[in-house]
Amino acid sequence: MGGSPEDKATYEFSVTGTIERRGQSYGAPIDDGAVTRDPDIDVIGDDGASVEGRLGGGGDAYRITGEITEFEVEDEDAVEVYIDGERIDTDE
């Protein structure tokens, strides 16, 4: 996921499997150096299957297993979401 410095956005999502924070973009059009790893801002739930985070000028990257069951973002126009390097529509 990526966002611009002017457009900060909060997000949350859940999966049927697990979520692991990563420091690489894995094919999304953002430099690996811009991928942030802020455990105080981007918090993976105790269940390991949900995350709440915030974007603003960088990107957040996660490795997930299973299916995404829920995805909410404060401002959809401020966020681009990629899975395996392909942009997805967050409304689906």
N, C-alpha and C. Protein backbone atom coordinates (compact mmCIF):
# COMPACT_ATOMS: atom_id res chain seq x y z
N MET A 1 0.85 -1.16 0.00
CA MET A 1 0.00 0.00 0.00
C MET A 1 0.89 1.22 0.00
N GLY A 2 0.45 2.25 -0.70
CA GLY A 2 1.24 3.47 -0.74
C GLY A 2 0.36 4.70 -0.70
N GLY A 3 0.90 5.78 -0.19
CA GLY A 3 0.19 7.04 -0.12
C GLY A 3 1.14 8.20 -0.29
N SER A 4 0.60 9.39 -0.49
CA SER A 4 1.43 10.57 -0.68
C SER A 4 1.56 11.34 0.63
N PRO A 5 2.60 12.17 0.77
CA PRO A 5 2.78 12.92 2.01
C PRO A 5 1.63 13.86 2.31
N GLU A 6 0.99 14.39 1.27
CA GLU A 6 -0.12 15.33 1.47
C GLU A 6 -1.40 14.63 1.90
N ASP A 7 -1.54 13.37 1.54
CA ASP A 7 -2.78 12.64 1.79
C ASP A 7 -2.54 11.51 2.79
N LYS A 8 -2.60 11.82 4.05
CA LYS A 8 -2.46 10.78 5.08
C LYS A 8 -3.77 10.00 5.16
N ALA A 9 -3.67 8.71 5.34
CA ALA A 9 -4.87 7.88 5.39
C ALA A 9 -4.67 6.76 6.39
N THR A 10 -5.71 6.47 7.15
CA THR A 10 -5.68 5.31 8.04
C THR A 10 -6.40 4.16 7.36
N TYR A 11 -6.00 2.95 7.71
CA TYR A 11 -6.59 1.76 7.10
C TYR A 11 -6.64 0.64 8.12
N GLU A 12 -7.46 -0.35 7.80
CA GLU A 12 -7.46 -1.60 8.56
C GLU A 12 -7.92 -2.70 7.63
N PHE A 13 -7.36 -3.89 7.85
CA PHE A 13 -7.83 -5.04 7.09
C PHE A 13 -7.63 -6.31 7.90
N SER A 14 -8.36 -7.34 7.48
CA SER A 14 -8.31 -8.65 8.13
C SER A 14 -8.18 -9.72 7.07
N VAL A 15 -7.59 -10.84 7.45
CA VAL A 15 -7.43 -11.98 6.54
C VAL A 15 -7.85 -13.26 7.25
N THR A 16 -8.06 -14.32 6.47
CA THR A 16 -8.42 -15.61 7.07
C THR A 16 -7.19 -16.33 7.61
N GLY A 17 -6.00 -15.91 7.19
CA GLY A 17 -4.75 -16.53 7.64
C GLY A 17 -3.99 -15.64 8.59
N THR A 18 -2.78 -15.26 8.18
CA THR A 18 -1.93 -14.44 9.04
C THR A 18 -1.37 -13.24 8.27
N ILE A 19 -0.90 -12.24 9.03
CA ILE A 19 -0.29 -11.03 8.48
C ILE A 19 1.08 -10.87 9.10
N GLU A 20 2.08 -10.60 8.26
CA GLU A 20 3.44 -10.37 8.73
C GLU A 20 3.96 -9.07 8.09
N ARG A 21 4.49 -8.16 8.89
CA ARG A 21 5.04 -6.90 8.39
C ARG A 21 6.30 -7.18 7.58
N ARG A 22 6.46 -6.49 6.44
CA ARG A 22 7.63 -6.66 5.58
C ARG A 22 8.25 -5.31 5.25
N GLY A 23 9.49 -5.31 4.82
CA GLY A 23 10.19 -4.08 4.46
C GLY A 23 10.49 -3.97 2.99
N GLN A 24 9.79 -4.74 2.15
CA GLN A 24 9.99 -4.71 0.70
C GLN A 24 8.66 -4.49 0.01
N SER A 25 8.72 -3.92 -1.21
CA SER A 25 7.49 -3.60 -1.94
C SER A 25 6.93 -4.78 -2.72
N TYR A 26 7.71 -5.81 -2.98
CA TYR A 26 7.27 -7.01 -3.68
C TYR A 26 6.52 -6.70 -4.97
N GLY A 27 7.09 -5.85 -5.81
CA GLY A 27 6.52 -5.59 -7.13
C GLY A 27 5.62 -4.39 -7.22
N ALA A 28 5.20 -3.82 -6.11
CA ALA A 28 4.41 -2.59 -6.15
C ALA A 28 5.34 -1.45 -6.58
N PRO A 29 4.82 -0.42 -7.26
CA PRO A 29 5.68 0.64 -7.78
C PRO A 29 6.12 1.65 -6.71
N ILE A 30 6.82 1.17 -5.72
CA ILE A 30 7.38 2.02 -4.66
C ILE A 30 8.75 1.46 -4.31
N ASP A 31 9.72 2.34 -4.10
CA ASP A 31 11.06 1.90 -3.74
C ASP A 31 11.03 1.20 -2.39
N ASP A 32 11.81 0.13 -2.27
CA ASP A 32 11.88 -0.58 -0.99
C ASP A 32 12.28 0.35 0.15
N GLY A 33 13.11 1.35 -0.14
CA GLY A 33 13.53 2.29 0.89
C GLY A 33 12.40 3.16 1.42
N ALA A 34 11.29 3.25 0.67
CA ALA A 34 10.14 4.06 1.09
C ALA A 34 9.11 3.23 1.86
N VAL A 35 9.34 1.92 1.95
CA VAL A 35 8.44 1.06 2.70
C VAL A 35 8.76 1.24 4.18
N THR A 36 7.76 1.64 4.95
CA THR A 36 7.98 1.90 6.37
C THR A 36 7.65 0.67 7.20
N ARG A 37 8.30 0.58 8.35
CA ARG A 37 8.04 -0.50 9.31
C ARG A 37 7.90 0.13 10.67
N ASP A 38 6.71 0.64 10.94
CA ASP A 38 6.44 1.37 12.18
C ASP A 38 5.48 0.58 13.06
N PRO A 39 5.98 -0.31 13.93
CA PRO A 39 5.08 -1.12 14.74
C PRO A 39 4.23 -0.32 15.71
N ASP A 40 4.62 0.93 16.00
CA ASP A 40 3.80 1.76 16.89
C ASP A 40 2.63 2.40 16.15
N ILE A 41 2.76 2.55 14.82
CA ILE A 41 1.70 3.17 14.01
C ILE A 41 0.89 2.11 13.29
N ASP A 42 1.57 1.10 12.75
CA ASP A 42 0.91 0.01 12.02
C ASP A 42 0.90 -1.21 12.94
N VAL A 43 -0.25 -1.49 13.52
CA VAL A 43 -0.34 -2.48 14.59
C VAL A 43 -1.05 -3.74 14.10
N ILE A 44 -0.34 -4.85 14.15
CA ILE A 44 -0.94 -6.14 13.84
C ILE A 44 -1.64 -6.63 15.10
N GLY A 45 -2.88 -7.08 14.95
CA GLY A 45 -3.68 -7.53 16.08
C GLY A 45 -3.08 -8.75 16.77
N ASP A 46 -3.48 -8.97 18.00
CA ASP A 46 -3.00 -10.12 18.77
C ASP A 46 -3.31 -11.45 18.08
N ASP A 47 -4.38 -11.47 17.27
CA ASP A 47 -4.74 -12.69 16.55
C ASP A 47 -3.84 -12.94 15.35
N GLY A 48 -3.02 -11.94 14.95
CA GLY A 48 -2.14 -12.08 13.80
C GLY A 48 -2.86 -12.04 12.47
N ALA A 49 -4.17 -11.77 12.49
CA ALA A 49 -4.97 -11.81 11.27
C ALA A 49 -5.61 -10.47 10.94
N SER A 50 -5.24 -9.40 11.65
CA SER A 50 -5.79 -8.08 11.37
C SER A 50 -4.70 -7.03 11.61
N VAL A 51 -4.85 -5.89 10.96
CA VAL A 51 -3.89 -4.80 11.13
C VAL A 51 -4.61 -3.47 11.02
N GLU A 52 -4.16 -2.51 11.80
CA GLU A 52 -4.61 -1.12 11.70
C GLU A 52 -3.36 -0.29 11.47
N GLY A 53 -3.40 0.61 10.46
CA GLY A 53 -2.22 1.39 10.15
C GLY A 53 -2.54 2.75 9.58
N ARG A 54 -1.46 3.48 9.27
CA ARG A 54 -1.59 4.82 8.70
C ARG A 54 -0.52 5.01 7.64
N LEU A 55 -0.91 5.61 6.52
CA LEU A 55 0.01 5.94 5.43
C LEU A 55 0.17 7.44 5.32
N GLY A 56 1.31 7.86 4.82
CA GLY A 56 1.54 9.27 4.55
C GLY A 56 2.93 9.50 4.01
N GLY A 57 3.10 9.34 2.72
CA GLY A 57 4.38 9.62 2.10
C GLY A 57 5.27 8.42 1.89
N GLY A 58 4.84 7.28 2.25
CA GLY A 58 5.63 6.06 2.06
C GLY A 58 4.69 4.92 1.73
N GLY A 59 5.11 3.74 2.05
CA GLY A 59 4.27 2.58 1.81
C GLY A 59 4.39 1.61 2.96
N ASP A 60 3.38 0.80 3.14
CA ASP A 60 3.40 -0.27 4.12
C ASP A 60 3.29 -1.58 3.35
N ALA A 61 4.03 -2.58 3.76
CA ALA A 61 4.02 -3.86 3.07
C ALA A 61 3.83 -4.99 4.07
N TYR A 62 3.01 -5.94 3.69
CA TYR A 62 2.71 -7.09 4.53
C TYR A 62 2.73 -8.35 3.69
N ARG A 63 3.11 -9.45 4.31
CA ARG A 63 2.94 -10.76 3.69
C ARG A 63 1.71 -11.35 4.35
N ILE A 64 0.74 -11.75 3.53
CA ILE A 64 -0.49 -12.32 4.08
C ILE A 64 -0.68 -13.74 3.57
N THR A 65 -1.35 -14.54 4.38
CA THR A 65 -1.81 -15.85 3.94
C THR A 65 -3.33 -15.83 4.04
N GLY A 66 -3.97 -16.63 3.23
CA GLY A 66 -5.43 -16.67 3.24
C GLY A 66 -6.02 -15.56 2.38
N GLU A 67 -7.29 -15.33 2.58
CA GLU A 67 -8.05 -14.34 1.82
C GLU A 67 -8.27 -13.08 2.65
N ILE A 68 -8.33 -11.93 1.99
CA ILE A 68 -8.70 -10.70 2.67
C ILE A 68 -10.20 -10.73 2.91
N THR A 69 -10.61 -10.59 4.16
CA THR A 69 -12.03 -10.66 4.49
C THR A 69 -12.64 -9.29 4.74
N GLU A 70 -11.81 -8.32 5.07
CA GLU A 70 -12.30 -6.97 5.33
C GLU A 70 -11.19 -5.99 4.98
N PHE A 71 -11.56 -4.86 4.35
CA PHE A 71 -10.59 -3.81 4.06
C PHE A 71 -11.31 -2.48 4.15
N GLU A 72 -10.82 -1.60 5.01
CA GLU A 72 -11.39 -0.27 5.15
C GLU A 72 -10.26 0.74 5.13
N VAL A 73 -10.51 1.85 4.44
CA VAL A 73 -9.53 2.93 4.39
C VAL A 73 -10.27 4.25 4.50
N GLU A 74 -9.67 5.18 5.22
CA GLU A 74 -10.30 6.47 5.48
C GLU A 74 -10.55 7.26 4.19
N ASP A 75 -9.59 7.28 3.27
CA ASP A 75 -9.70 8.04 2.02
C ASP A 75 -9.17 7.18 0.88
N GLU A 76 -10.07 6.51 0.16
CA GLU A 76 -9.65 5.58 -0.89
C GLU A 76 -8.85 6.26 -1.99
N ASP A 77 -9.09 7.55 -2.24
CA ASP A 77 -8.35 8.25 -3.28
C ASP A 77 -6.89 8.49 -2.89
N ALA A 78 -6.57 8.39 -1.62
CA ALA A 78 -5.22 8.66 -1.13
C ALA A 78 -4.35 7.40 -1.07
N VAL A 79 -4.93 6.24 -1.40
CA VAL A 79 -4.24 4.97 -1.19
C VAL A 79 -4.28 4.12 -2.46
N GLU A 80 -3.17 3.47 -2.76
CA GLU A 80 -3.11 2.46 -3.81
C GLU A 80 -2.74 1.15 -3.14
N VAL A 81 -3.47 0.08 -3.47
CA VAL A 81 -3.24 -1.22 -2.85
C VAL A 81 -2.82 -2.21 -3.93
N TYR A 82 -1.76 -2.97 -3.64
CA TYR A 82 -1.23 -3.96 -4.57
C TYR A 82 -1.14 -5.31 -3.87
N ILE A 83 -1.46 -6.36 -4.62
CA ILE A 83 -1.24 -7.73 -4.16
C ILE A 83 -0.38 -8.40 -5.21
N ASP A 84 0.76 -8.92 -4.79
CA ASP A 84 1.72 -9.56 -5.69
C ASP A 84 2.05 -8.67 -6.88
N GLY A 85 2.21 -7.36 -6.64
CA GLY A 85 2.60 -6.42 -7.67
C GLY A 85 1.49 -5.91 -8.56
N GLU A 86 0.26 -6.38 -8.37
CA GLU A 86 -0.88 -5.94 -9.19
C GLU A 86 -1.81 -5.08 -8.36
N ARG A 87 -2.16 -3.91 -8.91
CA ARG A 87 -3.07 -3.00 -8.21
C ARG A 87 -4.46 -3.62 -8.14
N ILE A 88 -5.09 -3.49 -6.98
CA ILE A 88 -6.44 -4.03 -6.81
C ILE A 88 -7.40 -2.90 -6.47
N ASP A 89 -8.66 -3.16 -6.73
CA ASP A 89 -9.74 -2.23 -6.38
C ASP A 89 -10.16 -2.57 -4.96
N THR A 90 -10.08 -1.61 -4.06
CA THR A 90 -10.40 -1.87 -2.66
C THR A 90 -11.89 -2.01 -2.41
N ASP A 91 -12.71 -1.74 -3.43
CA ASP A 91 -14.16 -1.91 -3.28
C ASP A 91 -14.59 -3.36 -3.45
N GLU A 92 -13.71 -4.18 -4.01
CA GLU A 92 -14.08 -5.58 -4.29
C GLU A 92 -13.93 -6.44 -3.07
